[in-house]
Amino acid sequence: MQLRILLLILLFWPMLCQAQIASHWKHQLWTKWLPALEMGTAEERWQARLAFLTWPEASLPVLRQGMMTSESPENWRFAQVLAQIGDESDIQRMLDAWQSLSSTRQDVWVGSLERLYMRFRQESPQKLLLTRFQFESEEVIDPRSGRADGEIIYKLSNSTAFPRLVQVRINIWRGMADPDWPEQLHWLESGNSVEVSLPVTLLFEPRVPTVRLDLDVMEIGVRETLLHERYEIPVSGRPAPPKSSQRRSLNLPKTDDNEVPKRQSEEAESG
């Protein structure tokens, strides 16, 4: 009987030891290394990084929860480490943490997202689609007021076989926006789309005939502009242009302004 107990102990001892080690290590990550990574000295942060990189399987749950629950402006430090050991699902987590917690250091967040994304990115012959880009206003645009309240709306659809991490920039010509908005980052799973509505007040000189919106779409980590799209808003007292249903490929090279055809509303064309 005693021999049988001894054999069972010898058989299960490695698993028991491994479970004890894992439990102890997770406790250390939570109580010691997570606070050190966020708020420690330079040497303590370096040691914490090494601790998290030593055992990724145990570190990932701790890093993910720490990043999502932290209220410190230093939470971008979690993203740096997560970019090295995370998986594809962490891209959306990092975007959510960055946007919901009003995090600082945009350069670090974008760099960490790029590093993580490029580890999993795959080429695809299919294209992304721009299915909507417009300015909508419920009021008539008065050219004498020098302003127009409304929303800038765009919709992107991913028809490729793989997820895509893209960045959207909108520039205004012959006017300016109040408030200004940051660059938009979107994680588009295969077959999914995203529609964004940006409330804005457009400010312009009363004498201009139109205000122009330029939209650029770039894939993070790919150093080229996939799309340059232009949209003209007439400033002549007429209602804002109607909704657009035009579908555009996002695999187009950036086009010189003189070569991009103007998009006009049906009302503008009939005038």
C-alpha atoms as a PDB file:
ATOM      1  CA  MET A   1       0.000   0.000   0.000  1.00  0.00           C
ATOM      2  CA  GLN A   2       2.767   2.391   0.934  1.00  0.00           C
ATOM      3  CA  LEU A   3       4.642   1.440  -2.225  1.00  0.00           C
ATOM      4  CA  ARG A   4       1.550   2.246  -4.291  1.00  0.00           C
ATOM      5  CA  ILE A   5       1.235   5.675  -2.649  1.00  0.00           C
ATOM      6  CA  LEU A   6       4.910   6.346  -3.284  1.00  0.00           C
ATOM      7  CA  LEU A   7       4.564   5.412  -6.954  1.00  0.00           C
ATOM      8  CA  LEU A   8       1.550   7.727  -7.318  1.00  0.00           C
ATOM      9  CA  ILE A   9       3.480  10.564  -5.708  1.00  0.00           C
ATOM     10  CA  LEU A  10       6.417  10.014  -8.040  1.00  0.00           C
ATOM     11  CA  LEU A  11       4.066   9.875 -11.033  1.00  0.00           C
ATOM     12  CA  PHE A  12       2.170  13.083 -10.278  1.00  0.00           C
ATOM     13  CA  TRP A  13       4.932  15.052  -8.573  1.00  0.00           C
ATOM     14  CA  PRO A  14       6.134  16.811 -11.793  1.00  0.00           C
ATOM     15  CA  MET A  15       2.609  18.042 -12.521  1.00  0.00           C
ATOM     16  CA  LEU A  16       2.097  19.169  -8.938  1.00  0.00           C
ATOM     17  CA  CYS A  17       5.401  21.023  -8.998  1.00  0.00           C
ATOM     18  CA  GLN A  18       4.582  22.643 -12.318  1.00  0.00           C
ATOM     19  CA  ALA A  19       1.174  23.803 -11.028  1.00  0.00           C
ATOM     20  CA  GLN A  20       2.773  25.234  -7.900  1.00  0.00           C
ATOM     21  CA  ILE A  21       5.421  27.023  -9.934  1.00  0.00           C
ATOM     22  CA  ALA A  22       2.805  28.453 -12.314  1.00  0.00           C
ATOM     23  CA  SER A  23       0.664  29.651  -9.402  1.00  0.00           C
ATOM     24  CA  HIS A  24       3.627  31.251  -7.690  1.00  0.00           C
ATOM     25  CA  TRP A  25       4.782  32.905 -10.945  1.00  0.00           C
ATOM     26  CA  LYS A  26       1.350  34.392 -11.683  1.00  0.00           C
ATOM     27  CA  HIS A  27       1.216  35.742  -8.143  1.00  0.00           C
ATOM     28  CA  GLN A  28       4.593  37.409  -8.710  1.00  0.00           C
ATOM     29  CA  LEU A  29       3.429  38.863 -12.017  1.00  0.00           C
ATOM     30  CA  TRP A  30       0.315  40.366 -10.427  1.00  0.00           C
ATOM     31  CA  THR A  31       1.804  41.680  -7.211  1.00  0.00           C
ATOM     32  CA  LYS A  32       5.347  42.616  -8.215  1.00  0.00           C
ATOM     33  CA  TRP A  33       6.043  42.838 -11.912  1.00  0.00           C
ATOM     34  CA  LEU A  34       2.804  44.400 -13.166  1.00  0.00           C
ATOM     35  CA  PRO A  35       3.108  47.465 -10.878  1.00  0.00           C
ATOM     36  CA  ALA A  36       6.831  47.676 -11.653  1.00  0.00           C
ATOM     37  CA  LEU A  37       6.167  47.638 -15.402  1.00  0.00           C
ATOM     38  CA  GLU A  38       3.700  50.484 -15.099  1.00  0.00           C
ATOM     39  CA  MET A  39       5.173  52.757 -12.448  1.00  0.00           C
ATOM     40  CA  GLY A  40       8.645  51.467 -11.513  1.00  0.00           C
ATOM     41  CA  THR A  41      12.058  52.975 -12.115  1.00  0.00           C
ATOM     42  CA  ALA A  42      13.841  52.391 -15.411  1.00  0.00           C
ATOM     43  CA  GLU A  43      15.697  49.387 -13.959  1.00  0.00           C
ATOM     44  CA  GLU A  44      12.534  47.939 -12.407  1.00  0.00           C
ATOM     45  CA  ARG A  45      10.625  48.331 -15.680  1.00  0.00           C
ATOM     46  CA  TRP A  46      13.406  46.517 -17.530  1.00  0.00           C
ATOM     47  CA  GLN A  47      13.337  43.631 -15.042  1.00  0.00           C
ATOM     48  CA  ALA A  48       9.546  43.498 -15.315  1.00  0.00           C
ATOM     49  CA  ARG A  49       9.723  43.269 -19.101  1.00  0.00           C
ATOM     50  CA  LEU A  50      12.115  40.333 -18.816  1.00  0.00           C
ATOM     51  CA  ALA A  51       9.806  38.659 -16.298  1.00  0.00           C
ATOM     52  CA  PHE A  52       6.805  38.883 -18.642  1.00  0.00           C
ATOM     53  CA  LEU A  53       8.810  37.701 -21.628  1.00  0.00           C
ATOM     54  CA  THR A  54      10.173  34.680 -19.728  1.00  0.00           C
ATOM     55  CA  TRP A  55       6.843  32.830 -19.577  1.00  0.00           C
ATOM     56  CA  PRO A  56       4.406  34.200 -22.190  1.00  0.00           C
ATOM     57  CA  GLU A  57       1.619  31.710 -21.440  1.00  0.00           C
ATOM     58  CA  ALA A  58       1.361  32.865 -17.833  1.00  0.00           C
ATOM     59  CA  SER A  59       2.039  36.509 -18.680  1.00  0.00           C
ATOM     60  CA  LEU A  60      -0.646  37.068 -21.328  1.00  0.00           C
ATOM     61  CA  PRO A  61      -3.743  36.996 -19.039  1.00  0.00           C
ATOM     62  CA  VAL A  62      -2.026  39.306 -16.562  1.00  0.00           C
ATOM     63  CA  LEU A  63      -0.932  41.782 -19.232  1.00  0.00           C
ATOM     64  CA  ARG A  64      -4.337  41.834 -20.910  1.00  0.00           C
ATOM     65  CA  GLN A  65      -6.280  42.501 -17.736  1.00  0.00           C
ATOM     66  CA  GLY A  66      -3.711  45.000 -16.504  1.00  0.00           C
ATOM     67  CA  MET A  67      -3.907  46.947 -19.757  1.00  0.00           C
ATOM     68  CA  MET A  68      -7.714  47.042 -19.831  1.00  0.00           C
ATOM     69  CA  THR A  69      -8.181  48.012 -16.177  1.00  0.00           C
ATOM     70  CA  SER A  70      -5.335  50.470 -15.718  1.00  0.00           C
ATOM     71  CA  GLU A  71      -6.270  54.121 -15.277  1.00  0.00           C
ATOM     72  CA  SER A  72      -2.686  55.321 -15.383  1.00  0.00           C
ATOM     73  CA  PRO A  73      -1.383  57.398 -18.329  1.00  0.00           C
ATOM     74  CA  GLU A  74       1.515  54.938 -18.379  1.00  0.00           C
ATOM     75  CA  ASN A  75      -0.649  52.016 -19.527  1.00  0.00           C
ATOM     76  CA  TRP A  76       1.030  52.163 -22.938  1.00  0.00           C
ATOM     77  CA  ARG A  77       3.897  50.194 -21.346  1.00  0.00           C
ATOM     78  CA  PHE A  78       1.651  47.114 -21.332  1.00  0.00           C
ATOM     79  CA  ALA A  79       1.114  47.476 -25.079  1.00  0.00           C
ATOM     80  CA  GLN A  80       4.863  47.444 -25.717  1.00  0.00           C
ATOM     81  CA  VAL A  81       5.262  44.025 -24.109  1.00  0.00           C
ATOM     82  CA  LEU A  82       1.989  42.656 -25.483  1.00  0.00           C
ATOM     83  CA  ALA A  83       3.196  43.467 -28.999  1.00  0.00           C
ATOM     84  CA  GLN A  84       6.024  40.956 -28.505  1.00  0.00           C
ATOM     85  CA  ILE A  85       4.098  37.994 -27.060  1.00  0.00           C
ATOM     86  CA  GLY A  86       0.422  38.637 -27.910  1.00  0.00           C
ATOM     87  CA  ASP A  87      -1.695  36.930 -30.557  1.00  0.00           C
ATOM     88  CA  GLU A  88      -3.961  38.337 -33.270  1.00  0.00           C
ATOM     89  CA  SER A  89      -6.882  38.788 -30.856  1.00  0.00           C
ATOM     90  CA  ASP A  90      -4.825  41.317 -28.891  1.00  0.00           C
ATOM     91  CA  ILE A  91      -4.983  43.849 -31.741  1.00  0.00           C
ATOM     92  CA  GLN A  92      -8.617  44.681 -30.954  1.00  0.00           C
ATOM     93  CA  ARG A  93      -7.868  44.641 -27.220  1.00  0.00           C
ATOM     94  CA  MET A  94      -5.103  47.178 -27.684  1.00  0.00           C
ATOM     95  CA  LEU A  95      -7.332  49.413 -29.790  1.00  0.00           C
ATOM     96  CA  ASP A  96     -10.107  49.255 -27.182  1.00  0.00           C
ATOM     97  CA  ALA A  97      -7.708  50.068 -24.345  1.00  0.00           C
ATOM     98  CA  TRP A  98      -6.167  52.956 -26.243  1.00  0.00           C
ATOM     99  CA  GLN A  99      -9.495  54.512 -27.222  1.00  0.00           C
ATOM    100  CA  SER A 100     -11.492  53.894 -24.035  1.00  0.00           C
ATOM    101  CA  LEU A 101      -8.855  54.975 -21.538  1.00  0.00           C
ATOM    102  CA  SER A 102      -7.787  58.199 -23.277  1.00  0.00           C
ATOM    103  CA  SER A 103      -4.233  56.910 -23.266  1.00  0.00           C
ATOM    104  CA  THR A 104      -1.153  58.993 -23.914  1.00  0.00           C
ATOM    105  CA  ARG A 105       1.804  58.297 -26.230  1.00  0.00           C
ATOM    106  CA  GLN A 106      -0.028  57.743 -29.502  1.00  0.00           C
ATOM    107  CA  ASP A 107       3.289  57.002 -31.207  1.00  0.00           C
ATOM    108  CA  VAL A 108       3.954  54.053 -28.891  1.00  0.00           C
ATOM    109  CA  TRP A 109       0.450  52.620 -29.277  1.00  0.00           C
ATOM    110  CA  VAL A 110       0.569  52.820 -33.077  1.00  0.00           C
ATOM    111  CA  GLY A 111       4.074  51.358 -33.129  1.00  0.00           C
ATOM    112  CA  SER A 112       3.038  48.482 -30.858  1.00  0.00           C
ATOM    113  CA  LEU A 113      -0.061  47.782 -32.945  1.00  0.00           C
ATOM    114  CA  GLU A 114       2.051  47.770 -36.104  1.00  0.00           C
ATOM    115  CA  ARG A 115       4.576  45.364 -34.622  1.00  0.00           C
ATOM    116  CA  LEU A 116       1.871  42.945 -33.487  1.00  0.00           C
ATOM    117  CA  TYR A 117      -0.103  43.210 -36.736  1.00  0.00           C
ATOM    118  CA  MET A 118       2.889  42.574 -38.992  1.00  0.00           C
ATOM    119  CA  ARG A 119       3.576  39.303 -37.159  1.00  0.00           C
ATOM    120  CA  PHE A 120       0.258  37.897 -38.453  1.00  0.00           C
ATOM    121  CA  ARG A 121      -0.433  39.854 -41.646  1.00  0.00           C
ATOM    122  CA  GLN A 122      -1.050  37.849 -44.843  1.00  0.00           C
ATOM    123  CA  GLU A 123      -1.250  39.049 -48.427  1.00  0.00           C
ATOM    124  CA  SER A 124      -4.593  38.915 -50.227  1.00  0.00           C
ATOM    125  CA  PRO A 125      -5.551  39.597 -53.861  1.00  0.00           C
ATOM    126  CA  GLN A 126      -8.976  40.907 -52.784  1.00  0.00           C
ATOM    127  CA  LYS A 127      -9.595  44.575 -52.082  1.00  0.00           C
ATOM    128  CA  LEU A 128     -11.097  46.626 -49.318  1.00  0.00           C
ATOM    129  CA  LEU A 129     -14.058  48.784 -50.317  1.00  0.00           C
ATOM    130  CA  LEU A 130     -15.065  52.330 -49.490  1.00  0.00           C
ATOM    131  CA  THR A 131     -18.857  52.137 -49.644  1.00  0.00           C
ATOM    132  CA  ARG A 132     -19.701  55.570 -48.235  1.00  0.00           C
ATOM    133  CA  PHE A 133     -18.013  58.953 -47.887  1.00  0.00           C
ATOM    134  CA  GLN A 134     -20.030  62.142 -47.435  1.00  0.00           C
ATOM    135  CA  PHE A 135     -20.924  65.182 -45.366  1.00  0.00           C
ATOM    136  CA  GLU A 136     -24.488  65.264 -44.024  1.00  0.00           C
ATOM    137  CA  SER A 137     -26.262  68.266 -42.565  1.00  0.00           C
ATOM    138  CA  GLU A 138     -29.884  68.756 -41.555  1.00  0.00           C
ATOM    139  CA  GLU A 139     -29.653  72.468 -42.262  1.00  0.00           C
ATOM    140  CA  VAL A 140     -29.237  74.486 -45.407  1.00  0.00           C
ATOM    141  CA  ILE A 141     -25.642  75.664 -45.745  1.00  0.00           C
ATOM    142  CA  ASP A 142     -25.667  79.462 -45.573  1.00  0.00           C
ATOM    143  CA  PRO A 143     -22.623  80.823 -47.461  1.00  0.00           C
ATOM    144  CA  ARG A 144     -22.755  84.065 -45.450  1.00  0.00           C
ATOM    145  CA  SER A 145     -22.376  82.356 -42.058  1.00  0.00           C
ATOM    146  CA  GLY A 146     -18.991  80.793 -42.773  1.00  0.00           C
ATOM    147  CA  ARG A 147     -19.963  77.590 -40.976  1.00  0.00           C
ATOM    148  CA  ALA A 148     -21.872  74.363 -41.462  1.00  0.00           C
ATOM    149  CA  ASP A 149     -22.840  71.889 -38.709  1.00  0.00           C
ATOM    150  CA  GLY A 150     -23.122  68.243 -39.639  1.00  0.00           C
ATOM    151  CA  GLU A 151     -21.367  64.876 -39.744  1.00  0.00           C
ATOM    152  CA  ILE A 152     -18.602  63.445 -41.865  1.00  0.00           C
ATOM    153  CA  ILE A 153     -19.491  59.817 -42.557  1.00  0.00           C
ATOM    154  CA  TYR A 154     -17.434  57.035 -44.101  1.00  0.00           C
ATOM    155  CA  LYS A 155     -17.841  53.268 -44.314  1.00  0.00           C
ATOM    156  CA  LEU A 156     -15.133  50.694 -45.034  1.00  0.00           C
ATOM    157  CA  SER A 157     -15.769  47.038 -45.854  1.00  0.00           C
ATOM    158  CA  ASN A 158     -13.230  44.208 -45.799  1.00  0.00           C
ATOM    159  CA  SER A 159     -13.946  41.723 -48.566  1.00  0.00           C
ATOM    160  CA  THR A 160     -10.488  40.139 -48.315  1.00  0.00           C
ATOM    161  CA  ALA A 161      -9.808  36.721 -46.855  1.00  0.00           C
ATOM    162  CA  PHE A 162      -7.745  38.170 -43.984  1.00  0.00           C
ATOM    163  CA  PRO A 163      -8.110  40.849 -41.295  1.00  0.00           C
ATOM    164  CA  ARG A 164      -6.740  44.315 -42.010  1.00  0.00           C
ATOM    165  CA  LEU A 165      -5.536  47.076 -39.686  1.00  0.00           C
ATOM    166  CA  VAL A 166      -6.062  50.423 -41.398  1.00  0.00           C
ATOM    167  CA  GLN A 167      -5.624  54.087 -40.586  1.00  0.00           C
ATOM    168  CA  VAL A 168      -7.957  56.799 -41.925  1.00  0.00           C
ATOM    169  CA  ARG A 169      -7.043  60.471 -42.262  1.00  0.00           C
ATOM    170  CA  ILE A 170      -9.411  63.233 -43.357  1.00  0.00           C
ATOM    171  CA  ASN A 171      -8.096  66.628 -44.417  1.00  0.00           C
ATOM    172  CA  ILE A 172     -10.190  69.710 -45.148  1.00  0.00           C
ATOM    173  CA  TRP A 173      -9.304  72.159 -47.905  1.00  0.00           C
ATOM    174  CA  ARG A 174     -10.639  75.724 -48.139  1.00  0.00           C
ATOM    175  CA  GLY A 175     -11.843  75.366 -44.560  1.00  0.00           C
ATOM    176  CA  MET A 176     -11.180  73.802 -41.170  1.00  0.00           C
ATOM    177  CA  ALA A 177     -12.937  71.568 -38.640  1.00  0.00           C
ATOM    178  CA  ASP A 178     -14.023  72.369 -35.099  1.00  0.00           C
ATOM    179  CA  PRO A 179     -13.201  70.271 -33.187  1.00  0.00           C
ATOM    180  CA  ASP A 180     -10.308  68.609 -34.956  1.00  0.00           C
ATOM    181  CA  TRP A 181     -10.278  64.822 -34.718  1.00  0.00           C
ATOM    182  CA  PRO A 182      -7.455  62.295 -34.323  1.00  0.00           C
ATOM    183  CA  GLU A 183      -6.517  59.791 -36.985  1.00  0.00           C
ATOM    184  CA  GLN A 184      -8.874  56.818 -36.966  1.00  0.00           C
ATOM    185  CA  LEU A 185      -7.560  53.246 -36.626  1.00  0.00           C
ATOM    186  CA  HIS A 186      -9.793  50.276 -37.463  1.00  0.00           C
ATOM    187  CA  TRP A 187      -9.340  46.514 -37.105  1.00  0.00           C
ATOM    188  CA  LEU A 188     -11.437  44.937 -39.864  1.00  0.00           C
ATOM    189  CA  GLU A 189     -12.005  41.205 -39.667  1.00  0.00           C
ATOM    190  CA  SER A 190     -12.588  39.386 -42.948  1.00  0.00           C
ATOM    191  CA  GLY A 191     -16.112  40.103 -44.226  1.00  0.00           C
ATOM    192  CA  ASN A 192     -16.735  42.877 -41.677  1.00  0.00           C
ATOM    193  CA  SER A 193     -17.223  46.601 -42.133  1.00  0.00           C
ATOM    194  CA  VAL A 194     -17.054  49.744 -40.029  1.00  0.00           C
ATOM    195  CA  GLU A 195     -19.091  52.922 -40.375  1.00  0.00           C
ATOM    196  CA  VAL A 196     -17.888  56.069 -38.632  1.00  0.00           C
ATOM    197  CA  SER A 197     -19.786  59.299 -38.057  1.00  0.00           C
ATOM    198  CA  LEU A 198     -17.721  62.314 -36.962  1.00  0.00           C
ATOM    199  CA  PRO A 199     -19.782  65.273 -35.665  1.00  0.00           C
ATOM    200  CA  VAL A 200     -18.112  68.433 -36.881  1.00  0.00           C
ATOM    201  CA  THR A 201     -18.550  72.123 -37.541  1.00  0.00           C
ATOM    202  CA  LEU A 202     -16.959  73.147 -40.823  1.00  0.00           C
ATOM    203  CA  LEU A 203     -15.588  76.687 -40.839  1.00  0.00           C
ATOM    204  CA  PHE A 204     -14.926  78.392 -44.167  1.00  0.00           C
ATOM    205  CA  GLU A 205     -14.598  81.793 -45.784  1.00  0.00           C
ATOM    206  CA  PRO A 206     -17.975  83.037 -47.026  1.00  0.00           C
ATOM    207  CA  ARG A 207     -16.643  83.560 -50.563  1.00  0.00           C
ATOM    208  CA  VAL A 208     -15.530  79.974 -51.269  1.00  0.00           C
ATOM    209  CA  PRO A 209     -17.770  77.995 -53.677  1.00  0.00           C
ATOM    210  CA  THR A 210     -17.023  74.592 -52.102  1.00  0.00           C
ATOM    211  CA  VAL A 211     -15.307  72.986 -49.144  1.00  0.00           C
ATOM    212  CA  ARG A 212     -13.267  69.918 -50.047  1.00  0.00           C
ATOM    213  CA  LEU A 213     -12.766  66.785 -47.940  1.00  0.00           C
ATOM    214  CA  ASP A 214      -9.830  64.494 -48.700  1.00  0.00           C
ATOM    215  CA  LEU A 215      -9.856  60.965 -47.269  1.00  0.00           C
ATOM    216  CA  ASP A 216      -6.707  58.824 -47.164  1.00  0.00           C
ATOM    217  CA  VAL A 217      -6.686  55.150 -46.151  1.00  0.00           C
ATOM    218  CA  MET A 218      -3.436  53.389 -45.259  1.00  0.00           C
ATOM    219  CA  GLU A 219      -2.739  49.870 -44.046  1.00  0.00           C
ATOM    220  CA  ILE A 220      -0.652  49.936 -40.880  1.00  0.00           C
ATOM    221  CA  GLY A 221       2.869  48.717 -41.568  1.00  0.00           C
ATOM    222  CA  VAL A 222       2.524  49.125 -45.354  1.00  0.00           C
ATOM    223  CA  ARG A 223       4.206  52.386 -46.314  1.00  0.00           C
ATOM    224  CA  GLU A 224       1.847  53.558 -49.012  1.00  0.00           C
ATOM    225  CA  THR A 225      -1.546  55.221 -49.372  1.00  0.00           C
ATOM    226  CA  LEU A 226      -4.144  52.731 -50.571  1.00  0.00           C
ATOM    227  CA  LEU A 227      -6.778  55.325 -51.381  1.00  0.00           C
ATOM    228  CA  HIS A 228      -7.063  59.042 -51.908  1.00  0.00           C
ATOM    229  CA  GLU A 229     -10.723  60.049 -52.239  1.00  0.00           C
ATOM    230  CA  ARG A 230     -12.088  63.575 -52.617  1.00  0.00           C
ATOM    231  CA  TYR A 231     -15.527  64.921 -51.783  1.00  0.00           C
ATOM    232  CA  GLU A 232     -16.817  68.412 -52.631  1.00  0.00           C
ATOM    233  CA  ILE A 233     -19.393  70.187 -50.432  1.00  0.00           C
ATOM    234  CA  PRO A 234     -21.103  73.044 -52.295  1.00  0.00           C
ATOM    235  CA  VAL A 235     -21.396  76.285 -50.321  1.00  0.00           C
ATOM    236  CA  SER A 236     -24.237  78.083 -52.050  1.00  0.00           C
ATOM    237  CA  GLY A 237     -27.246  77.866 -49.723  1.00  0.00           C
ATOM    238  CA  ARG A 238     -28.269  74.483 -51.095  1.00  0.00           C
ATOM    239  CA  PRO A 239     -28.858  71.420 -48.919  1.00  0.00           C
ATOM    240  CA  ALA A 240     -25.942  69.075 -48.307  1.00  0.00           C
ATOM    241  CA  PRO A 241     -25.370  66.412 -51.010  1.00  0.00           C
ATOM    242  CA  PRO A 242     -27.462  63.217 -50.783  1.00  0.00           C
ATOM    243  CA  LYS A 243     -26.142  59.894 -49.534  1.00  0.00           C
ATOM    244  CA  SER A 244     -23.551  58.214 -51.719  1.00  0.00           C
ATOM    245  CA  SER A 245     -23.828  54.560 -52.716  1.00  0.00           C
ATOM    246  CA  GLN A 246     -20.674  54.414 -54.796  1.00  0.00           C
ATOM    247  CA  ARG A 247     -18.331  51.499 -53.995  1.00  0.00           C
ATOM    248  CA  ARG A 248     -14.642  52.186 -54.349  1.00  0.00           C
ATOM    249  CA  SER A 249     -11.634  49.848 -54.258  1.00  0.00           C
ATOM    250  CA  LEU A 250      -9.022  50.677 -51.640  1.00  0.00           C
ATOM    251  CA  ASN A 251      -6.161  49.353 -53.764  1.00  0.00           C
ATOM    252  CA  LEU A 252      -5.824  52.563 -55.750  1.00  0.00           C
ATOM    253  CA  PRO A 253      -2.601  54.557 -55.768  1.00  0.00           C
ATOM    254  CA  LYS A 254      -2.643  58.103 -54.450  1.00  0.00           C
ATOM    255  CA  THR A 255      -3.803  60.358 -57.260  1.00  0.00           C
ATOM    256  CA  ASP A 256      -2.748  63.877 -58.057  1.00  0.00           C
ATOM    257  CA  ASP A 257      -5.500  66.426 -57.275  1.00  0.00           C
ATOM    258  CA  ASN A 258      -5.775  67.467 -60.902  1.00  0.00           C
ATOM    259  CA  GLU A 259      -6.433  63.886 -61.969  1.00  0.00           C
ATOM    260  CA  VAL A 260      -9.163  63.096 -59.436  1.00  0.00           C
ATOM    261  CA  PRO A 261     -12.647  63.666 -60.867  1.00  0.00           C
ATOM    262  CA  LYS A 262     -14.916  65.876 -58.784  1.00  0.00           C
ATOM    263  CA  ARG A 263     -17.849  64.194 -57.080  1.00  0.00           C
ATOM    264  CA  GLN A 264     -20.909  66.382 -57.378  1.00  0.00           C
ATOM    265  CA  SER A 265     -24.412  65.909 -56.095  1.00  0.00           C
ATOM    266  CA  GLU A 266     -27.328  65.416 -58.464  1.00  0.00           C
ATOM    267  CA  GLU A 267     -28.643  68.793 -57.440  1.00  0.00           C
ATOM    268  CA  ALA A 268     -25.293  70.423 -58.205  1.00  0.00           C
ATOM    269  CA  GLU A 269     -25.186  68.716 -61.615  1.00  0.00           C
ATOM    270  CA  SER A 270     -28.691  69.824 -62.463  1.00  0.00           C
ATOM    271  CA  GLY A 271     -27.795  73.426 -61.472  1.00  0.00           C
END
